[in-house]
Amino acid sequence: LVGHEHTLEVHTDDCRSVLGRPDERPLVQLVAGAAAKQRPLHTPFMAYQDRHYPQKTTHYARGQVWGFMTLRLEAESGEATIVTTPDSGSGEPVVDFSFRFERRSGHGVGR
């Protein structure tokens, strides 16, 4: 979970570089810091990551936006929901993206 970057992002990494094989339950990476300030995505850095870490998947990435992310955790799963608001100043909340994932703890090497 990252909150300082002023973007909204959801990525996963299948951890093959560490495990030697893709994990069936990828590591979820959530970035949510668009409530206080707008910034563009750092597209050169994102392109670098895509080239050097092909196991990473970007599910959602948006900059220059006002919004926040909610995170709901249950016993065996979780859901991140991204809520944005238009630049019009209306303040209308818009559910822009939702991502469900399975629990990872107790899972991985040797299982």
PDB file of N, CA and C in Angstrom:
ATOM      1  N   LEU A   1       0.848  -1.172   0.000  1.00  0.00           N
ATOM      2  CA  LEU A   1       0.000   0.000   0.000  1.00  0.00           C
ATOM      3  C   LEU A   1       0.893   1.235   0.000  1.00  0.00           C
ATOM      4  N   VAL A   2       0.634   2.127  -0.938  1.00  0.00           N
ATOM      5  CA  VAL A   2       1.415   3.354  -1.050  1.00  0.00           C
ATOM      6  C   VAL A   2       0.444   4.526  -1.105  1.00  0.00           C
ATOM      7  N   GLY A   3       0.710   5.573  -0.359  1.00  0.00           N
ATOM      8  CA  GLY A   3      -0.199   6.705  -0.345  1.00  0.00           C
ATOM      9  C   GLY A   3       0.419   8.020  -0.719  1.00  0.00           C
ATOM     10  N   HIS A   4       1.735   8.107  -0.836  1.00  0.00           N
ATOM     11  CA  HIS A   4       2.341   9.407  -1.089  1.00  0.00           C
ATOM     12  C   HIS A   4       2.253   9.850  -2.549  1.00  0.00           C
ATOM     13  N   GLU A   5       2.340   8.943  -3.476  1.00  0.00           N
ATOM     14  CA  GLU A   5       2.226   9.310  -4.885  1.00  0.00           C
ATOM     15  C   GLU A   5       0.827   9.845  -5.155  1.00  0.00           C
ATOM     16  N   HIS A   6       0.712  10.907  -5.918  1.00  0.00           N
ATOM     17  CA  HIS A   6      -0.578  11.554  -6.156  1.00  0.00           C
ATOM     18  C   HIS A   6      -1.237  11.012  -7.422  1.00  0.00           C
ATOM     19  N   THR A   7      -1.347   9.693  -7.461  1.00  0.00           N
ATOM     20  CA  THR A   7      -1.973   8.976  -8.566  1.00  0.00           C
ATOM     21  C   THR A   7      -2.857   7.881  -7.969  1.00  0.00           C
ATOM     22  N   LEU A   8      -3.554   7.165  -8.836  1.00  0.00           N
ATOM     23  CA  LEU A   8      -4.329   5.992  -8.430  1.00  0.00           C
ATOM     24  C   LEU A   8      -3.871   4.841  -9.300  1.00  0.00           C
ATOM     25  N   GLU A   9      -3.374   3.760  -8.678  1.00  0.00           N
ATOM     26  CA  GLU A   9      -2.809   2.654  -9.441  1.00  0.00           C
ATOM     27  C   GLU A   9      -3.100   1.318  -8.762  1.00  0.00           C
ATOM     28  N   VAL A  10      -3.293   0.282  -9.589  1.00  0.00           N
ATOM     29  CA  VAL A  10      -3.418  -1.093  -9.119  1.00  0.00           C
ATOM     30  C   VAL A  10      -2.524  -1.949 -10.009  1.00  0.00           C
ATOM     31  N   HIS A  11      -1.566  -2.635  -9.391  1.00  0.00           N
ATOM     32  CA  HIS A  11      -0.645  -3.516 -10.105  1.00  0.00           C
ATOM     33  C   HIS A  11      -0.614  -4.869  -9.388  1.00  0.00           C
ATOM     34  N   THR A  12      -0.202  -5.902 -10.105  1.00  0.00           N
ATOM     35  CA  THR A  12       0.102  -7.189  -9.481  1.00  0.00           C
ATOM     36  C   THR A  12       1.454  -7.660  -9.993  1.00  0.00           C
ATOM     37  N   ASP A  13       2.103  -8.501  -9.210  1.00  0.00           N
ATOM     38  CA  ASP A  13       3.389  -9.088  -9.572  1.00  0.00           C
ATOM     39  C   ASP A  13       3.305 -10.568  -9.232  1.00  0.00           C
ATOM     40  N   ASP A  14       3.557 -11.429 -10.211  1.00  0.00           N
ATOM     41  CA  ASP A  14       3.404 -12.869  -9.966  1.00  0.00           C
ATOM     42  C   ASP A  14       4.602 -13.502  -9.254  1.00  0.00           C
ATOM     43  N   CYS A  15       5.615 -12.706  -8.920  1.00  0.00           N
ATOM     44  CA  CYS A  15       6.746 -13.106  -8.068  1.00  0.00           C
ATOM     45  C   CYS A  15       7.634 -14.195  -8.671  1.00  0.00           C
ATOM     46  N   ARG A  16       7.582 -14.398  -9.983  1.00  0.00           N
ATOM     47  CA  ARG A  16       8.392 -15.464 -10.595  1.00  0.00           C
ATOM     48  C   ARG A  16       9.890 -15.229 -10.430  1.00  0.00           C
ATOM     49  N   SER A  17      10.319 -13.960 -10.334  1.00  0.00           N
ATOM     50  CA  SER A  17      11.757 -13.701 -10.191  1.00  0.00           C
ATOM     51  C   SER A  17      12.275 -14.165  -8.829  1.00  0.00           C
ATOM     52  N   VAL A  18      11.416 -14.271  -7.839  1.00  0.00           N
ATOM     53  CA  VAL A  18      11.801 -14.737  -6.512  1.00  0.00           C
ATOM     54  C   VAL A  18      11.525 -16.229  -6.349  1.00  0.00           C
ATOM     55  N   LEU A  19      10.364 -16.675  -6.820  1.00  0.00           N
ATOM     56  CA  LEU A  19       9.944 -18.061  -6.622  1.00  0.00           C
ATOM     57  C   LEU A  19      10.470 -19.013  -7.696  1.00  0.00           C
ATOM     58  N   GLY A  20      10.899 -18.473  -8.835  1.00  0.00           N
ATOM     59  CA  GLY A  20      11.345 -19.317  -9.940  1.00  0.00           C
ATOM     60  C   GLY A  20      10.202 -19.815 -10.802  1.00  0.00           C
ATOM     61  N   ARG A  21       9.003 -19.449 -10.431  1.00  0.00           N
ATOM     62  CA  ARG A  21       7.797 -19.793 -11.194  1.00  0.00           C
ATOM     63  C   ARG A  21       6.722 -18.764 -10.824  1.00  0.00           C
ATOM     64  N   PRO A  22       5.743 -18.562 -11.688  1.00  0.00           N
ATOM     65  CA  PRO A  22       4.676 -17.618 -11.333  1.00  0.00           C
ATOM     66  C   PRO A  22       3.837 -18.134 -10.169  1.00  0.00           C
ATOM     67  N   ASP A  23       3.531 -17.273  -9.234  1.00  0.00           N
ATOM     68  CA  ASP A  23       2.641 -17.625  -8.132  1.00  0.00           C
ATOM     69  C   ASP A  23       1.207 -17.475  -8.617  1.00  0.00           C
ATOM     70  N   GLU A  24       0.354 -18.426  -8.271  1.00  0.00           N
ATOM     71  CA  GLU A  24      -1.035 -18.374  -8.725  1.00  0.00           C
ATOM     72  C   GLU A  24      -1.823 -17.245  -8.062  1.00  0.00           C
ATOM     73  N   ARG A  25      -1.299 -16.709  -6.956  1.00  0.00           N
ATOM     74  CA  ARG A  25      -1.938 -15.569  -6.287  1.00  0.00           C
ATOM     75  C   ARG A  25      -0.944 -14.408  -6.288  1.00  0.00           C
ATOM     76  N   PRO A  26      -1.025 -13.541  -7.283  1.00  0.00           N
ATOM     77  CA  PRO A  26      -0.045 -12.458  -7.402  1.00  0.00           C
ATOM     78  C   PRO A  26      -0.072 -11.490  -6.213  1.00  0.00           C
ATOM     79  N   LEU A  27       1.064 -10.861  -5.999  1.00  0.00           N
ATOM     80  CA  LEU A  27       1.201  -9.824  -4.988  1.00  0.00           C
ATOM     81  C   LEU A  27       0.500  -8.568  -5.498  1.00  0.00           C
ATOM     82  N   VAL A  28      -0.430  -8.044  -4.734  1.00  0.00           N
ATOM     83  CA  VAL A  28      -1.192  -6.856  -5.127  1.00  0.00           C
ATOM     84  C   VAL A  28      -0.467  -5.611  -4.632  1.00  0.00           C
ATOM     85  N   GLN A  29      -0.331  -4.619  -5.502  1.00  0.00           N
ATOM     86  CA  GLN A  29       0.316  -3.352  -5.172  1.00  0.00           C
ATOM     87  C   GLN A  29      -0.685  -2.234  -5.436  1.00  0.00           C
ATOM     88  N   LEU A  30      -1.014  -1.459  -4.390  1.00  0.00           N
ATOM     89  CA  LEU A  30      -2.030  -0.415  -4.479  1.00  0.00           C
ATOM     90  C   LEU A  30      -1.403   0.943  -4.195  1.00  0.00           C
ATOM     91  N   VAL A  31      -1.666   1.912  -5.062  1.00  0.00           N
ATOM     92  CA  VAL A  31      -1.178   3.277  -4.902  1.00  0.00           C
ATOM     93  C   VAL A  31      -2.398   4.197  -4.880  1.00  0.00           C
ATOM     94  N   ALA A  32      -2.548   4.970  -3.812  1.00  0.00           N
ATOM     95  CA  ALA A  32      -3.692   5.871  -3.706  1.00  0.00           C
ATOM     96  C   ALA A  32      -3.279   7.140  -2.975  1.00  0.00           C
ATOM     97  N   GLY A  33      -3.132   8.217  -3.714  1.00  0.00           N
ATOM     98  CA  GLY A  33      -2.759   9.484  -3.113  1.00  0.00           C
ATOM     99  C   GLY A  33      -3.311  10.662  -3.886  1.00  0.00           C
ATOM    100  N   ALA A  34      -4.430  10.464  -4.569  1.00  0.00           N
ATOM    101  CA  ALA A  34      -4.969  11.499  -5.454  1.00  0.00           C
ATOM    102  C   ALA A  34      -6.019  12.374  -4.780  1.00  0.00           C
ATOM    103  N   ALA A  35      -6.152  12.280  -3.464  1.00  0.00           N
ATOM    104  CA  ALA A  35      -7.160  13.100  -2.784  1.00  0.00           C
ATOM    105  C   ALA A  35      -6.619  14.489  -2.451  1.00  0.00           C
ATOM    106  N   ALA A  36      -5.310  14.628  -2.307  1.00  0.00           N
ATOM    107  CA  ALA A  36      -4.743  15.901  -1.869  1.00  0.00           C
ATOM    108  C   ALA A  36      -4.142  16.728  -2.997  1.00  0.00           C
ATOM    109  N   LYS A  37      -3.717  16.056  -4.053  1.00  0.00           N
ATOM    110  CA  LYS A  37      -3.011  16.762  -5.131  1.00  0.00           C
ATOM    111  C   LYS A  37      -3.089  15.919  -6.388  1.00  0.00           C
ATOM    112  N   GLN A  38      -3.073  16.585  -7.546  1.00  0.00           N
ATOM    113  CA  GLN A  38      -3.035  15.864  -8.816  1.00  0.00           C
ATOM    114  C   GLN A  38      -1.612  15.905  -9.376  1.00  0.00           C
ATOM    115  N   ARG A  39      -1.166  14.752  -9.875  1.00  0.00           N
ATOM    116  CA  ARG A  39       0.104  14.674 -10.590  1.00  0.00           C
ATOM    117  C   ARG A  39      -0.082  13.714 -11.750  1.00  0.00           C
ATOM    118  N   PRO A  40       0.672  13.924 -12.825  1.00  0.00           N
ATOM    119  CA  PRO A  40       0.597  12.966 -13.932  1.00  0.00           C
ATOM    120  C   PRO A  40       1.318  11.676 -13.564  1.00  0.00           C
ATOM    121  N   LEU A  41       1.000  10.623 -14.284  1.00  0.00           N
ATOM    122  CA  LEU A  41       1.747   9.375 -14.142  1.00  0.00           C
ATOM    123  C   LEU A  41       3.172   9.602 -14.607  1.00  0.00           C
ATOM    124  N   HIS A  42       4.110   8.898 -14.038  1.00  0.00           N
ATOM    125  CA  HIS A  42       5.519   8.981 -14.451  1.00  0.00           C
ATOM    126  C   HIS A  42       5.698   7.931 -15.547  1.00  0.00           C
ATOM    127  N   THR A  43       5.297   8.266 -16.770  1.00  0.00           N
ATOM    128  CA  THR A  43       5.278   7.284 -17.858  1.00  0.00           C
ATOM    129  C   THR A  43       6.653   6.748 -18.241  1.00  0.00           C
ATOM    130  N   PRO A  44       7.749   7.537 -18.201  1.00  0.00           N
ATOM    131  CA  PRO A  44       9.053   6.920 -18.488  1.00  0.00           C
ATOM    132  C   PRO A  44       9.421   5.840 -17.468  1.00  0.00           C
ATOM    133  N   PHE A  45       9.139   6.079 -16.185  1.00  0.00           N
ATOM    134  CA  PHE A  45       9.428   5.080 -15.157  1.00  0.00           C
ATOM    135  C   PHE A  45       8.538   3.859 -15.335  1.00  0.00           C
ATOM    136  N   MET A  46       7.266   4.074 -15.666  1.00  0.00           N
ATOM    137  CA  MET A  46       6.355   2.946 -15.884  1.00  0.00           C
ATOM    138  C   MET A  46       6.815   2.102 -17.075  1.00  0.00           C
ATOM    139  N   ALA A  47       7.315   2.751 -18.136  1.00  0.00           N
ATOM    140  CA  ALA A  47       7.829   2.016 -19.299  1.00  0.00           C
ATOM    141  C   ALA A  47       9.073   1.209 -18.908  1.00  0.00           C
ATOM    142  N   TYR A  48       9.939   1.793 -18.074  1.00  0.00           N
ATOM    143  CA  TYR A  48      11.122   1.083 -17.572  1.00  0.00           C
ATOM    144  C   TYR A  48      10.691  -0.165 -16.797  1.00  0.00           C
ATOM    145  N   GLN A  49       9.718  -0.005 -15.907  1.00  0.00           N
ATOM    146  CA  GLN A  49       9.237  -1.151 -15.125  1.00  0.00           C
ATOM    147  C   GLN A  49       8.669  -2.235 -16.035  1.00  0.00           C
ATOM    148  N   ASP A  50       7.902  -1.846 -17.032  1.00  0.00           N
ATOM    149  CA  ASP A  50       7.320  -2.825 -17.959  1.00  0.00           C
ATOM    150  C   ASP A  50       8.402  -3.610 -18.692  1.00  0.00           C
ATOM    151  N   ARG A  51       9.494  -2.924 -19.085  1.00  0.00           N
ATOM    152  CA  ARG A  51      10.593  -3.598 -19.795  1.00  0.00           C
ATOM    153  C   ARG A  51      11.366  -4.548 -18.883  1.00  0.00           C
ATOM    154  N   HIS A  52      11.623  -4.126 -17.655  1.00  0.00           N
ATOM    155  CA  HIS A  52      12.492  -4.889 -16.761  1.00  0.00           C
ATOM    156  C   HIS A  52      11.755  -5.861 -15.834  1.00  0.00           C
ATOM    157  N   TYR A  53      10.474  -5.700 -15.703  1.00  0.00           N
ATOM    158  CA  TYR A  53       9.687  -6.562 -14.816  1.00  0.00           C
ATOM    159  C   TYR A  53       8.440  -7.055 -15.541  1.00  0.00           C
ATOM    160  N   PRO A  54       8.621  -7.951 -16.511  1.00  0.00           N
ATOM    161  CA  PRO A  54       7.464  -8.407 -17.292  1.00  0.00           C
ATOM    162  C   PRO A  54       6.444  -9.187 -16.461  1.00  0.00           C
ATOM    163  N   GLN A  55       6.822  -9.599 -15.255  1.00  0.00           N
ATOM    164  CA  GLN A  55       5.876 -10.303 -14.389  1.00  0.00           C
ATOM    165  C   GLN A  55       4.866  -9.347 -13.751  1.00  0.00           C
ATOM    166  N   LYS A  56       5.107  -8.037 -13.849  1.00  0.00           N
ATOM    167  CA  LYS A  56       4.203  -7.032 -13.285  1.00  0.00           C
ATOM    168  C   LYS A  56       3.085  -6.751 -14.282  1.00  0.00           C
ATOM    169  N   THR A  57       1.877  -6.678 -13.776  1.00  0.00           N
ATOM    170  CA  THR A  57       0.724  -6.341 -14.600  1.00  0.00           C
ATOM    171  C   THR A  57       0.079  -5.081 -14.049  1.00  0.00           C
ATOM    172  N   THR A  58      -0.146  -4.104 -14.897  1.00  0.00           N
ATOM    173  CA  THR A  58      -0.859  -2.899 -14.503  1.00  0.00           C
ATOM    174  C   THR A  58      -2.331  -3.099 -14.845  1.00  0.00           C
ATOM    175  N   HIS A  59      -3.175  -3.042 -13.831  1.00  0.00           N
ATOM    176  CA  HIS A  59      -4.615  -3.209 -14.024  1.00  0.00           C
ATOM    177  C   HIS A  59      -5.309  -1.861 -14.160  1.00  0.00           C
ATOM    178  N   TYR A  60      -4.749  -0.839 -13.506  1.00  0.00           N
ATOM    179  CA  TYR A  60      -5.325   0.499 -13.538  1.00  0.00           C
ATOM    180  C   TYR A  60      -4.221   1.474 -13.182  1.00  0.00           C
ATOM    181  N   ALA A  61      -4.118   2.551 -13.909  1.00  0.00           N
ATOM    182  CA  ALA A  61      -3.154   3.606 -13.580  1.00  0.00           C
ATOM    183  C   ALA A  61      -3.680   4.916 -14.150  1.00  0.00           C
ATOM    184  N   ARG A  62      -3.864   5.875 -13.268  1.00  0.00           N
ATOM    185  CA  ARG A  62      -4.387   7.164 -13.717  1.00  0.00           C
ATOM    186  C   ARG A  62      -3.792   8.280 -12.886  1.00  0.00           C
ATOM    187  N   GLY A  63      -3.339   9.306 -13.553  1.00  0.00           N
ATOM    188  CA  GLY A  63      -2.836  10.503 -12.916  1.00  0.00           C
ATOM    189  C   GLY A  63      -3.711  11.678 -13.312  1.00  0.00           C
ATOM    190  N   GLN A  64      -3.371  12.858 -12.788  1.00  0.00           N
ATOM    191  CA  GLN A  64      -4.144  14.071 -13.066  1.00  0.00           C
ATOM    192  C   GLN A  64      -5.620  13.853 -12.774  1.00  0.00           C
ATOM    193  N   VAL A  65      -5.898  13.302 -11.596  1.00  0.00           N
ATOM    194  CA  VAL A  65      -7.270  12.982 -11.215  1.00  0.00           C
ATOM    195  C   VAL A  65      -7.445  13.235  -9.720  1.00  0.00           C
ATOM    196  N   TRP A  66      -8.665  13.596  -9.313  1.00  0.00           N
ATOM    197  CA  TRP A  66      -9.017  13.652  -7.905  1.00  0.00           C
ATOM    198  C   TRP A  66      -9.705  12.346  -7.568  1.00  0.00           C
ATOM    199  N   GLY A  67      -9.310  11.734  -6.466  1.00  0.00           N
ATOM    200  CA  GLY A  67      -9.972  10.494  -6.094  1.00  0.00           C
ATOM    201  C   GLY A  67      -9.324   9.832  -4.892  1.00  0.00           C
ATOM    202  N   PHE A  68      -9.866   8.671  -4.562  1.00  0.00           N
ATOM    203  CA  PHE A  68      -9.348   7.898  -3.437  1.00  0.00           C
ATOM    204  C   PHE A  68      -9.653   6.427  -3.690  1.00  0.00           C
ATOM    205  N   MET A  69      -9.111   5.568  -2.830  1.00  0.00           N
ATOM    206  CA  MET A  69      -9.322   4.134  -2.945  1.00  0.00           C
ATOM    207  C   MET A  69      -9.835   3.600  -1.605  1.00  0.00           C
ATOM    208  N   THR A  70     -10.825   2.737  -1.675  1.00  0.00           N
ATOM    209  CA  THR A  70     -11.255   2.023  -0.473  1.00  0.00           C
ATOM    210  C   THR A  70     -10.703   0.610  -0.570  1.00  0.00           C
ATOM    211  N   LEU A  71     -10.439   0.019   0.579  1.00  0.00           N
ATOM    212  CA  LEU A  71      -9.911  -1.340   0.622  1.00  0.00           C
ATOM    213  C   LEU A  71     -10.747  -2.129   1.622  1.00  0.00           C
ATOM    214  N   ARG A  72     -11.364  -3.181   1.132  1.00  0.00           N
ATOM    215  CA  ARG A  72     -12.171  -4.059   1.985  1.00  0.00           C
ATOM    216  C   ARG A  72     -11.476  -5.408   2.058  1.00  0.00           C
ATOM    217  N   LEU A  73     -11.142  -5.830   3.268  1.00  0.00           N
ATOM    218  CA  LEU A  73     -10.476  -7.110   3.475  1.00  0.00           C
ATOM    219  C   LEU A  73     -11.415  -8.068   4.176  1.00  0.00           C
ATOM    220  N   GLU A  74     -11.514  -9.279   3.640  1.00  0.00           N
ATOM    221  CA  GLU A  74     -12.296 -10.338   4.244  1.00  0.00           C
ATOM    222  C   GLU A  74     -11.341 -11.467   4.596  1.00  0.00           C
ATOM    223  N   ALA A  75     -11.841 -12.556   5.128  1.00  0.00           N
ATOM    224  CA  ALA A  75     -10.990 -13.653   5.591  1.00  0.00           C
ATOM    225  C   ALA A  75     -10.101 -14.202   4.476  1.00  0.00           C
ATOM    226  N   GLU A  76     -10.622 -14.399   3.293  1.00  0.00           N
ATOM    227  CA  GLU A  76      -9.861 -15.035   2.216  1.00  0.00           C
ATOM    228  C   GLU A  76      -9.725 -14.189   0.956  1.00  0.00           C
ATOM    229  N   SER A  77     -10.212 -12.951   0.989  1.00  0.00           N
ATOM    230  CA  SER A  77     -10.137 -12.113  -0.206  1.00  0.00           C
ATOM    231  C   SER A  77     -10.169 -10.643   0.176  1.00  0.00           C
ATOM    232  N   GLY A  78      -9.975  -9.817  -0.818  1.00  0.00           N
ATOM    233  CA  GLY A  78     -10.038  -8.375  -0.627  1.00  0.00           C
ATOM    234  C   GLY A  78     -10.548  -7.712  -1.883  1.00  0.00           C
ATOM    235  N   GLU A  79     -10.933  -6.460  -1.745  1.00  0.00           N
ATOM    236  CA  GLU A  79     -11.380  -5.698  -2.909  1.00  0.00           C
ATOM    237  C   GLU A  79     -10.957  -4.248  -2.750  1.00  0.00           C
ATOM    238  N   ALA A  80     -10.284  -3.735  -3.765  1.00  0.00           N
ATOM    239  CA  ALA A  80      -9.911  -2.326  -3.824  1.00  0.00           C
ATOM    240  C   ALA A  80     -10.858  -1.653  -4.810  1.00  0.00           C
ATOM    241  N   THR A  81     -11.440  -0.544  -4.393  1.00  0.00           N
ATOM    242  CA  THR A  81     -12.354   0.206  -5.248  1.00  0.00           C
ATOM    243  C   THR A  81     -11.834   1.625  -5.381  1.00  0.00           C
ATOM    244  N   ILE A  82     -11.713   2.093  -6.618  1.00  0.00           N
ATOM    245  CA  ILE A  82     -11.228   3.437  -6.895  1.00  0.00           C
ATOM    246  C   ILE A  82     -12.418   4.338  -7.199  1.00  0.00           C
ATOM    247  N   VAL A  83     -12.490   5.450  -6.462  1.00  0.00           N
ATOM    248  CA  VAL A  83     -13.546   6.433  -6.637  1.00  0.00           C
ATOM    249  C   VAL A  83     -12.886   7.729  -7.091  1.00  0.00           C
ATOM    250  N   THR A  84     -13.369   8.289  -8.189  1.00  0.00           N
ATOM    251  CA  THR A  84     -12.840   9.556  -8.700  1.00  0.00           C
ATOM    252  C   THR A  84     -13.971  10.579  -8.765  1.00  0.00           C
ATOM    253  N   THR A  85     -13.592  11.804  -9.033  1.00  0.00           N
ATOM    254  CA  THR A  85     -14.569  12.869  -9.215  1.00  0.00           C
ATOM    255  C   THR A  85     -14.146  13.702 -10.416  1.00  0.00           C
ATOM    256  N   PRO A  86     -15.097  14.196 -11.212  1.00  0.00           N
ATOM    257  CA  PRO A  86     -14.741  14.950 -12.410  1.00  0.00           C
ATOM    258  C   PRO A  86     -14.059  16.280 -12.077  1.00  0.00           C
ATOM    259  N   ASP A  87     -13.261  16.782 -13.013  1.00  0.00           N
ATOM    260  CA  ASP A  87     -12.592  18.079 -12.849  1.00  0.00           C
ATOM    261  C   ASP A  87     -13.570  19.246 -12.899  1.00  0.00           C
ATOM    262  N   SER A  88     -14.824  18.982 -13.191  1.00  0.00           N
ATOM    263  CA  SER A  88     -15.835  20.045 -13.307  1.00  0.00           C
ATOM    264  C   SER A  88     -16.088  20.751 -11.987  1.00  0.00           C
ATOM    265  N   GLY A  89     -15.662  20.131 -10.881  1.00  0.00           N
ATOM    266  CA  GLY A  89     -15.898  20.722  -9.572  1.00  0.00           C
ATOM    267  C   GLY A  89     -17.225  20.298  -8.968  1.00  0.00           C
ATOM    268  N   SER A  90     -17.937  19.405  -9.628  1.00  0.00           N
ATOM    269  CA  SER A  90     -19.239  18.955  -9.120  1.00  0.00           C
ATOM    270  C   SER A  90     -19.105  18.149  -7.832  1.00  0.00           C
ATOM    271  N   GLY A  91     -17.964  17.503  -7.640  1.00  0.00           N
ATOM    272  CA  GLY A  91     -17.760  16.667  -6.462  1.00  0.00           C
ATOM    273  C   GLY A  91     -18.478  15.340  -6.532  1.00  0.00           C
ATOM    274  N   GLU A  92     -19.082  15.050  -7.673  1.00  0.00           N
ATOM    275  CA  GLU A  92     -19.823  13.798  -7.834  1.00  0.00           C
ATOM    276  C   GLU A  92     -18.875  12.606  -7.771  1.00  0.00           C
ATOM    277  N   PRO A  93     -19.116  11.659  -6.843  1.00  0.00           N
ATOM    278  CA  PRO A  93     -18.255  10.472  -6.789  1.00  0.00           C
ATOM    279  C   PRO A  93     -18.605   9.495  -7.912  1.00  0.00           C
ATOM    280  N   VAL A  94     -17.562   8.954  -8.553  1.00  0.00           N
ATOM    281  CA  VAL A  94     -17.741   7.993  -9.636  1.00  0.00           C
ATOM    282  C   VAL A  94     -16.888   6.772  -9.318  1.00  0.00           C
ATOM    283  N   VAL A  95     -17.518   5.600  -9.197  1.00  0.00           N
ATOM    284  CA  VAL A  95     -16.743   4.374  -9.018  1.00  0.00           C
ATOM    285  C   VAL A  95     -16.107   4.074 -10.371  1.00  0.00           C
ATOM    286  N   ASP A  96     -14.782   4.229 -10.429  1.00  0.00           N
ATOM    287  CA  ASP A  96     -14.047   4.141 -11.688  1.00  0.00           C
ATOM    288  C   ASP A  96     -13.482   2.746 -11.950  1.00  0.00           C
ATOM    289  N   PHE A  97     -13.155   2.012 -10.868  1.00  0.00           N
ATOM    290  CA  PHE A  97     -12.500   0.719 -11.042  1.00  0.00           C
ATOM    291  C   PHE A  97     -12.628  -0.084  -9.753  1.00  0.00           C
ATOM    292  N   SER A  98     -12.763  -1.388  -9.892  1.00  0.00           N
ATOM    293  CA  SER A  98     -12.813  -2.277  -8.742  1.00  0.00           C
ATOM    294  C   SER A  98     -11.959  -3.503  -9.043  1.00  0.00           C
ATOM    295  N   PHE A  99     -11.207  -3.972  -8.045  1.00  0.00           N
ATOM    296  CA  PHE A  99     -10.293  -5.092  -8.240  1.00  0.00           C
ATOM    297  C   PHE A  99     -10.384  -6.042  -7.056  1.00  0.00           C
ATOM    298  N   ARG A 100     -10.797  -7.285  -7.305  1.00  0.00           N
ATOM    299  CA  ARG A 100     -10.865  -8.320  -6.265  1.00  0.00           C
ATOM    300  C   ARG A 100      -9.622  -9.199  -6.335  1.00  0.00           C
ATOM    301  N   PHE A 101      -9.170  -9.646  -5.173  1.00  0.00           N
ATOM    302  CA  PHE A 101      -7.988 -10.507  -5.121  1.00  0.00           C
ATOM    303  C   PHE A 101      -8.120 -11.490  -3.970  1.00  0.00           C
ATOM    304  N   GLU A 102      -7.366 -12.589  -4.068  1.00  0.00           N
ATOM    305  CA  GLU A 102      -7.368 -13.629  -3.044  1.00  0.00           C
ATOM    306  C   GLU A 102      -6.267 -13.370  -2.023  1.00  0.00           C
ATOM    307  N   ARG A 103      -6.475 -13.876  -0.832  1.00  0.00           N
ATOM    308  CA  ARG A 103      -5.505 -13.790   0.251  1.00  0.00           C
ATOM    309  C   ARG A 103      -4.221 -14.522  -0.139  1.00  0.00           C
ATOM    310  N   ARG A 104      -3.071 -13.964   0.224  1.00  0.00           N
ATOM    311  CA  ARG A 104      -1.776 -14.581  -0.087  1.00  0.00           C
ATOM    312  C   ARG A 104      -1.126 -15.235   1.122  1.00  0.00           C
ATOM    313  N   SER A 105      -1.364 -14.775   2.340  1.00  0.00           N
ATOM    314  CA  SER A 105      -0.639 -15.311   3.495  1.00  0.00           C
ATOM    315  C   SER A 105      -0.895 -16.797   3.670  1.00  0.00           C
ATOM    316  N   GLY A 106       0.143 -17.483   4.102  1.00  0.00           N
ATOM    317  CA  GLY A 106       0.039 -18.924   4.251  1.00  0.00           C
ATOM    318  C   GLY A 106       0.105 -19.664   2.930  1.00  0.00           C
ATOM    319  N   HIS A 107       0.511 -18.940   1.894  1.00  0.00           N
ATOM    320  CA  HIS A 107       0.534 -19.504   0.546  1.00  0.00           C
ATOM    321  C   HIS A 107       1.881 -19.172  -0.097  1.00  0.00           C
ATOM    322  N   GLY A 108       2.375 -20.005  -0.946  1.00  0.00           N
ATOM    323  CA  GLY A 108       3.599 -19.659  -1.656  1.00  0.00           C
ATOM    324  C   GLY A 108       4.589 -20.796  -1.689  1.00  0.00           C
ATOM    325  N   VAL A 109       5.861 -20.491  -1.401  1.00  0.00           N
ATOM    326  CA  VAL A 109       6.945 -21.470  -1.511  1.00  0.00           C
ATOM    327  C   VAL A 109       6.642 -22.686  -0.651  1.00  0.00           C
ATOM    328  N   GLY A 110       6.789 -23.868  -1.249  1.00  0.00           N
ATOM    329  CA  GLY A 110       6.603 -25.105  -0.529  1.00  0.00           C
ATOM    330  C   GLY A 110       5.163 -25.569  -0.434  1.00  0.00           C
ATOM    331  N   ARG A 111       4.266 -24.859  -1.041  1.00  0.00           N
ATOM    332  CA  ARG A 111       2.847 -25.262  -0.987  1.00  0.00           C
ATOM    333  C   ARG A 111       2.386 -25.684  -2.344  1.00  0.00           C
TER     334      ARG A 111
END
